């Protein structure tokens, strides 16, 4: 298994399945009252150029829940904003902590840190990939709908980092994925082409959300303007008209389809309040599963177990 988690494409199907199965075991053990201490004596550094509530708290809770320690560094606490070479930061941090969890803008940042780090680097979000989130989302899908390779999953909205990681997951794990994105807001073309080349079931890009959700087991949605794109909000709201997951769109989908949203949600934009609060929406179970998946990732990469 790779030493770093930068995107999902570096991992085989068997390795991704290991994370999914291990996270489920850790969740069951926690619910049963088990005390985990696999990472006692270990420390991770959370290096967050982009702020986050769920990602920070879930990684901290995961590490503490395994008996380890956490050092949190925001953008103002590091030298990244002052142009310190990433290779210098990687080599210094490697002597202080047992792993780095990095949430930043460019994918090149985590790639460069991983190149020079002697401890694992985990991508907690870049503008191109969000692998840990998608692993926890797939875990949620399996809990609610059964084996993922039997399912049809729809993505409605922006072809962003989440869409890219969903595409890579589909290519590796073998489920059908249909993406509905407005023109000009497609996922990364290279990532899409590579995943389609290895996929055993179709990975399709459409323009019509209703066509995408028809016969879908899972409907996935995310914000229209991600962090760093706030200046594009008005243009994106206009471009994404008709792509809201709401009651009208859900009428086009099977009644037992579940709705995923990685949160935070902009109610009334990409998803209606009624859809988010409906019994079909599992966004809060999805949010909980981030912690359990992060435990599995940390245990494997930091602990070597």
Protein backbone atom coordinates (compact mmCIF):
# COMPACT_ATOMS: atom_id res chain seq x y z
CA UNK A 1 0.00 0.00 0.00
CA UNK A 2 1.32 3.52 -0.77
CA UNK A 3 2.86 5.53 2.08
CA UNK A 4 0.84 8.63 1.20
CA UNK A 5 -2.81 9.27 0.35
CA UNK A 6 -2.79 11.97 -2.32
CA UNK A 7 -5.60 10.72 -4.59
CA UNK A 8 -7.53 7.50 -4.99
CA UNK A 9 -5.82 6.43 -8.20
CA UNK A 10 -2.63 5.43 -6.32
CA UNK A 11 -4.56 2.64 -4.58
CA UNK A 12 -5.72 -0.69 -5.96
CA UNK A 13 -9.31 -1.87 -5.62
CA UNK A 14 -8.22 -4.27 -2.87
CA UNK A 15 -6.53 -1.47 -0.91
CA UNK A 16 -9.59 0.79 -1.16
CA UNK A 17 -11.82 -2.09 -0.04
CA UNK A 18 -9.50 -2.59 2.95
CA UNK A 19 -10.12 1.01 4.07
CA UNK A 20 -13.89 0.58 3.62
CA UNK A 21 -14.03 -2.66 5.56
CA UNK A 22 -11.68 -1.53 8.31
CA UNK A 23 -13.64 1.69 8.88
CA UNK A 24 -16.81 -0.36 9.31
CA UNK A 25 -15.08 -2.56 11.92
CA UNK A 26 -13.74 0.44 13.83
CA UNK A 27 -17.20 2.03 13.81
CA UNK A 28 -18.81 -1.12 15.21
CA UNK A 29 -16.12 -1.43 17.88
CA UNK A 30 -16.59 2.19 18.95
CA UNK A 31 -20.36 1.71 19.17
CA UNK A 32 -19.69 -1.35 21.38
CA UNK A 33 -17.55 0.75 23.73
CA UNK A 34 -14.12 -0.50 22.66
CA UNK A 35 -11.12 1.66 23.59
CA UNK A 36 -8.64 2.00 20.74
CA UNK A 37 -5.01 2.83 21.39
CA UNK A 38 -3.27 1.70 18.19
CA UNK A 39 -1.62 5.09 17.71
CA UNK A 40 -0.58 5.77 21.30
CA UNK A 41 2.66 7.73 21.25
CA UNK A 42 2.05 8.96 17.69
CA UNK A 43 1.43 12.57 16.64
CA UNK A 44 -0.02 14.01 13.45
CA UNK A 45 0.21 17.57 12.19
CA UNK A 46 -2.95 19.03 10.65
CA UNK A 47 -1.77 21.65 8.15
CA UNK A 48 -4.85 23.57 7.00
CA UNK A 49 -4.53 26.44 4.54
CA UNK A 50 -8.28 26.02 3.96
CA UNK A 51 -10.41 26.06 7.12
CA UNK A 52 -12.92 23.30 7.85
CA UNK A 53 -15.20 22.27 10.68
CA UNK A 54 -15.98 18.64 9.81
CA UNK A 55 -12.59 17.68 8.37
CA UNK A 56 -10.63 19.14 11.26
CA UNK A 57 -12.85 17.77 14.02
CA UNK A 58 -13.20 14.34 12.40
CA UNK A 59 -9.43 13.94 11.95
CA UNK A 60 -8.75 15.19 15.48
CA UNK A 61 -11.43 12.92 16.97
CA UNK A 62 -10.08 10.00 14.92
CA UNK A 63 -6.50 10.50 16.08
CA UNK A 64 -7.44 11.03 19.72
CA UNK A 65 -9.78 8.05 19.43
CA UNK A 66 -6.80 5.89 18.45
CA UNK A 67 -4.75 7.12 21.41
CA UNK A 68 -2.63 9.60 19.45
CA UNK A 69 -1.98 13.33 19.61
CA UNK A 70 -2.70 16.21 17.23
CA UNK A 71 -0.97 19.51 16.43
CA UNK A 72 -3.15 21.88 14.40
CA UNK A 73 -1.55 24.49 12.13
CA UNK A 74 -3.69 27.04 10.29
CA UNK A 75 -2.41 29.13 7.37
CA UNK A 76 -1.21 31.84 9.72
CA UNK A 77 0.76 29.29 11.76
CA UNK A 78 2.93 28.01 8.89
CA UNK A 79 5.52 29.44 6.57
CA UNK A 80 3.56 28.45 3.46
CA UNK A 81 2.14 31.94 3.12
CA UNK A 82 5.66 33.34 3.46
CA UNK A 83 7.02 31.28 0.58
CA UNK A 84 9.10 28.79 2.55
CA UNK A 85 10.04 26.00 0.11
CA UNK A 86 7.70 23.06 0.57
CA UNK A 87 10.63 20.66 0.55
CA UNK A 88 12.06 22.42 3.59
CA UNK A 89 8.78 22.28 5.45
CA UNK A 90 8.36 18.58 4.61
CA UNK A 91 11.81 17.65 5.89
CA UNK A 92 11.39 19.63 9.12
CA UNK A 93 7.86 18.44 9.87
CA UNK A 94 8.94 14.85 9.27
CA UNK A 95 11.24 15.17 12.30
CA UNK A 96 8.42 16.42 14.56
CA UNK A 97 5.35 14.37 13.67
CA UNK A 98 4.45 10.88 12.47
CA UNK A 99 2.23 12.10 9.64
CA UNK A 100 0.82 15.23 8.00
CA UNK A 101 -2.83 15.79 7.10
CA UNK A 102 -2.93 18.65 4.61
CA UNK A 103 -5.89 20.74 3.44
CA UNK A 104 -4.82 23.24 0.82
CA UNK A 105 -5.49 24.71 -2.62
CA UNK A 106 -3.15 23.22 -5.23
CA UNK A 107 -2.62 19.49 -5.65
CA UNK A 108 1.04 20.30 -6.30
CA UNK A 109 1.38 21.27 -2.61
CA UNK A 110 0.56 17.81 -1.26
CA UNK A 111 2.53 16.17 -4.08
CA UNK A 112 5.63 18.20 -3.24
CA UNK A 113 5.28 17.60 0.50
CA UNK A 114 4.97 13.87 -0.13
CA UNK A 115 8.04 13.87 -2.36
CA UNK A 116 10.28 15.15 0.45
CA UNK A 117 8.48 13.89 3.55
CA UNK A 118 9.69 10.77 5.34
CA UNK A 119 6.29 10.42 7.06
CA UNK A 120 2.88 9.86 5.43
CA UNK A 121 1.14 12.83 3.82
CA UNK A 122 -2.66 12.61 3.68
CA UNK A 123 -4.69 14.82 1.34
CA UNK A 124 -7.57 16.25 3.37
CA UNK A 125 -8.66 18.34 0.34
CA UNK A 126 -7.14 20.13 -2.61
CA UNK A 127 -8.82 21.89 -5.50
CA UNK A 128 -8.34 18.72 -7.58
CA UNK A 129 -9.07 15.84 -5.18
CA UNK A 130 -10.95 15.03 -1.95
CA UNK A 131 -10.10 11.34 -1.47
CA UNK A 132 -10.78 10.90 2.26
CA UNK A 133 -14.24 12.43 1.91
CA UNK A 134 -15.20 10.18 -0.98
CA UNK A 135 -14.00 7.08 0.86
CA UNK A 136 -16.26 7.95 3.79
CA UNK A 137 -19.10 8.65 1.34
CA UNK A 138 -18.68 5.25 -0.30
CA UNK A 139 -18.70 3.70 3.19
CA UNK A 140 -22.06 5.41 3.81
CA UNK A 141 -23.43 4.17 0.49
CA UNK A 142 -22.50 0.58 1.36
CA UNK A 143 -24.17 0.89 4.77
CA UNK A 144 -27.39 2.16 3.25
CA UNK A 145 -27.57 0.38 -0.11
CA UNK A 146 -25.29 -2.67 -0.03
CA UNK A 147 -22.31 -3.60 -2.25
CA UNK A 148 -21.29 -0.52 -4.19
CA UNK A 149 -20.39 -2.38 -7.38
CA UNK A 150 -24.09 -3.17 -7.85
CA UNK A 151 -25.18 0.46 -7.69
CA UNK A 152 -25.82 3.39 -9.99
CA UNK A 153 -24.59 6.66 -8.52
CA UNK A 154 -25.47 10.10 -9.85
CA UNK A 155 -23.48 13.30 -9.40
CA UNK A 156 -25.42 16.53 -9.93
CA UNK A 157 -23.64 19.89 -10.17
CA UNK A 158 -20.08 21.13 -10.36
CA UNK A 159 -17.32 18.92 -11.76
CA UNK A 160 -15.14 19.81 -8.79
CA UNK A 161 -12.64 17.97 -6.58
CA UNK A 162 -15.39 15.77 -5.18
CA UNK A 163 -16.52 14.80 -8.68
CA UNK A 164 -12.92 13.98 -9.63
CA UNK A 165 -12.50 11.68 -6.63
CA UNK A 166 -15.87 10.04 -7.29
CA UNK A 167 -14.72 9.37 -10.86
CA UNK A 168 -11.54 7.70 -9.61
CA UNK A 169 -13.53 5.67 -7.09
CA UNK A 170 -15.88 4.47 -9.85
CA UNK A 171 -12.96 3.43 -12.02
CA UNK A 172 -11.37 1.41 -9.22
CA UNK A 173 -14.41 0.00 -7.40
CA UNK A 174 -16.56 -0.79 -10.42
CA UNK A 175 -19.87 1.02 -9.85
CA UNK A 176 -21.78 2.98 -12.47
CA UNK A 177 -21.39 6.75 -12.24
CA UNK A 178 -23.41 9.36 -14.13
CA UNK A 179 -22.40 13.00 -13.83
CA UNK A 180 -24.66 15.90 -14.80
CA UNK A 181 -22.64 19.12 -15.07
CA UNK A 182 -23.36 22.39 -16.88
CA UNK A 183 -21.23 23.28 -19.87
CA UNK A 184 -17.96 24.80 -18.71
CA UNK A 185 -18.10 23.12 -15.30
CA UNK A 186 -17.05 19.59 -16.23
CA UNK A 187 -14.71 17.42 -14.14
CA UNK A 188 -11.04 17.11 -15.04
CA UNK A 189 -10.89 15.63 -18.54
CA UNK A 190 -7.74 13.59 -17.95
CA UNK A 191 -9.09 12.08 -14.74
CA UNK A 192 -12.35 11.21 -16.51
CA UNK A 193 -10.61 9.62 -19.50
CA UNK A 194 -8.27 7.54 -17.32
CA UNK A 195 -11.12 6.26 -15.16
CA UNK A 196 -13.30 5.43 -18.15
CA UNK A 197 -10.43 3.41 -19.64
CA UNK A 198 -10.27 1.09 -16.62
CA UNK A 199 -13.94 1.09 -15.60
CA UNK A 200 -15.98 -2.11 -15.77
CA UNK A 201 -19.25 -0.16 -15.68
CA UNK A 202 -20.03 3.12 -17.46
CA UNK A 203 -18.80 6.51 -16.25
CA UNK A 204 -20.90 9.00 -18.19
CA UNK A 205 -20.99 12.80 -18.42
CA UNK A 206 -24.38 14.36 -19.20
CA UNK A 207 -26.02 17.81 -19.13
CA UNK A 208 -29.47 16.81 -17.88
CA UNK A 209 -29.88 16.25 -14.10
CA UNK A 210 -33.19 14.44 -14.61
CA UNK A 211 -31.55 11.94 -16.93
CA UNK A 212 -28.72 11.44 -14.44
CA UNK A 213 -30.95 10.63 -11.46
CA UNK A 214 -33.34 8.36 -13.34
CA UNK A 215 -32.83 4.85 -11.91
CA UNK A 216 -30.09 6.15 -9.57
CA UNK A 217 -29.56 4.46 -6.22
CA UNK A 218 -27.58 7.42 -4.91
CA UNK A 219 -27.82 11.15 -5.72
CA UNK A 220 -24.73 13.11 -4.84
CA UNK A 221 -24.54 16.91 -4.67
CA UNK A 222 -22.07 19.55 -3.48
CA UNK A 223 -21.90 23.33 -3.30
CA UNK A 224 -21.78 25.26 -6.57
CA UNK A 225 -19.01 27.63 -5.47
CA UNK A 226 -16.21 25.98 -3.50
CA UNK A 227 -13.81 27.72 -1.15
CA UNK A 228 -11.70 30.16 -3.15
CA UNK A 229 -14.41 30.63 -5.79
CA UNK A 230 -16.54 33.11 -3.85
CA UNK A 231 -16.05 35.79 -6.51
CA UNK A 232 -17.72 33.44 -9.02
CA UNK A 233 -20.84 32.89 -6.91
CA UNK A 234 -23.27 34.98 -8.98
CA UNK A 235 -22.08 33.52 -12.29
CA UNK A 236 -22.25 30.00 -10.90
CA UNK A 237 -25.76 30.43 -9.51
CA UNK A 238 -26.84 31.48 -13.00
CA UNK A 239 -24.98 28.62 -14.71
CA UNK A 240 -26.35 25.99 -12.34
CA UNK A 241 -29.99 26.96 -12.68
CA UNK A 242 -31.91 23.71 -13.02
CA UNK A 243 -29.25 21.66 -11.20
CA UNK A 244 -30.71 22.00 -7.72
CA UNK A 245 -31.54 18.75 -5.93
CA UNK A 246 -35.10 19.45 -4.88
CA UNK A 247 -38.54 17.87 -4.77
CA UNK A 248 -39.07 18.26 -8.51
CA UNK A 249 -35.80 16.50 -9.35
CA UNK A 250 -36.41 13.76 -6.79
CA UNK A 251 -39.70 12.94 -8.53
CA UNK A 252 -37.56 11.85 -11.50
CA UNK A 253 -35.56 9.43 -9.32
CA UNK A 254 -36.50 6.19 -7.56
CA UNK A 255 -38.31 6.71 -4.27
CA UNK A 256 -35.64 4.76 -2.39
CA UNK A 257 -32.68 6.73 -3.74
CA UNK A 258 -30.52 8.24 -1.02
CA UNK A 259 -29.08 11.76 -1.13
CA UNK A 260 -25.47 12.55 -0.22
CA UNK A 261 -24.06 15.98 0.57
CA UNK A 262 -20.58 16.35 2.09
CA UNK A 263 -21.63 19.59 3.88
CA UNK A 264 -21.72 22.44 4.57
CA UNK A 265 -24.83 22.90 2.43
CA UNK A 266 -26.05 26.13 0.92
CA UNK A 267 -29.74 25.48 1.44
CA UNK A 268 -31.76 26.92 -1.40
CA UNK A 269 -28.86 26.76 -3.85
CA UNK A 270 -27.52 23.30 -4.74
CA UNK A 271 -30.09 21.55 -2.51
CA UNK A 272 -33.48 22.58 -1.18
CA UNK A 273 -34.15 22.65 2.53
CA UNK A 274 -36.84 20.01 2.09
CA UNK A 275 -34.49 17.65 0.25
CA UNK A 276 -31.76 18.05 2.86
CA UNK A 277 -34.21 17.41 5.70
CA UNK A 278 -35.93 14.51 3.95
CA UNK A 279 -35.72 10.88 5.03
CA UNK A 280 -33.82 10.16 1.81
CA UNK A 281 -30.91 12.37 2.84
CA UNK A 282 -28.11 10.67 4.79
CA UNK A 283 -25.75 13.66 4.96
CA UNK A 284 -25.36 13.51 8.74
CA UNK A 285 -24.58 9.79 8.78
CA UNK A 286 -22.14 10.61 6.00
CA UNK A 287 -20.52 13.29 8.17
CA UNK A 288 -20.14 10.86 11.09
CA UNK A 289 -18.47 8.30 8.86
CA UNK A 290 -15.66 10.73 8.11
CA UNK A 291 -14.33 10.09 11.60
CA UNK A 292 -14.46 6.30 11.26
CA UNK A 293 -12.85 6.38 7.81
CA UNK A 294 -10.14 8.73 9.04
CA UNK A 295 -9.40 6.25 11.82
CA UNK A 296 -8.87 3.51 9.25
CA UNK A 297 -6.62 5.73 7.14
CA UNK A 298 -4.55 6.92 10.09
CA UNK A 299 -4.24 3.43 11.56
CA UNK A 300 -2.93 2.03 8.29
CA UNK A 301 -0.67 4.84 7.13
CA UNK A 302 0.58 6.17 10.47
CA UNK A 303 0.53 2.94 12.45
CA UNK A 304 1.50 0.57 9.66
CA UNK A 305 -1.10 -1.95 10.85
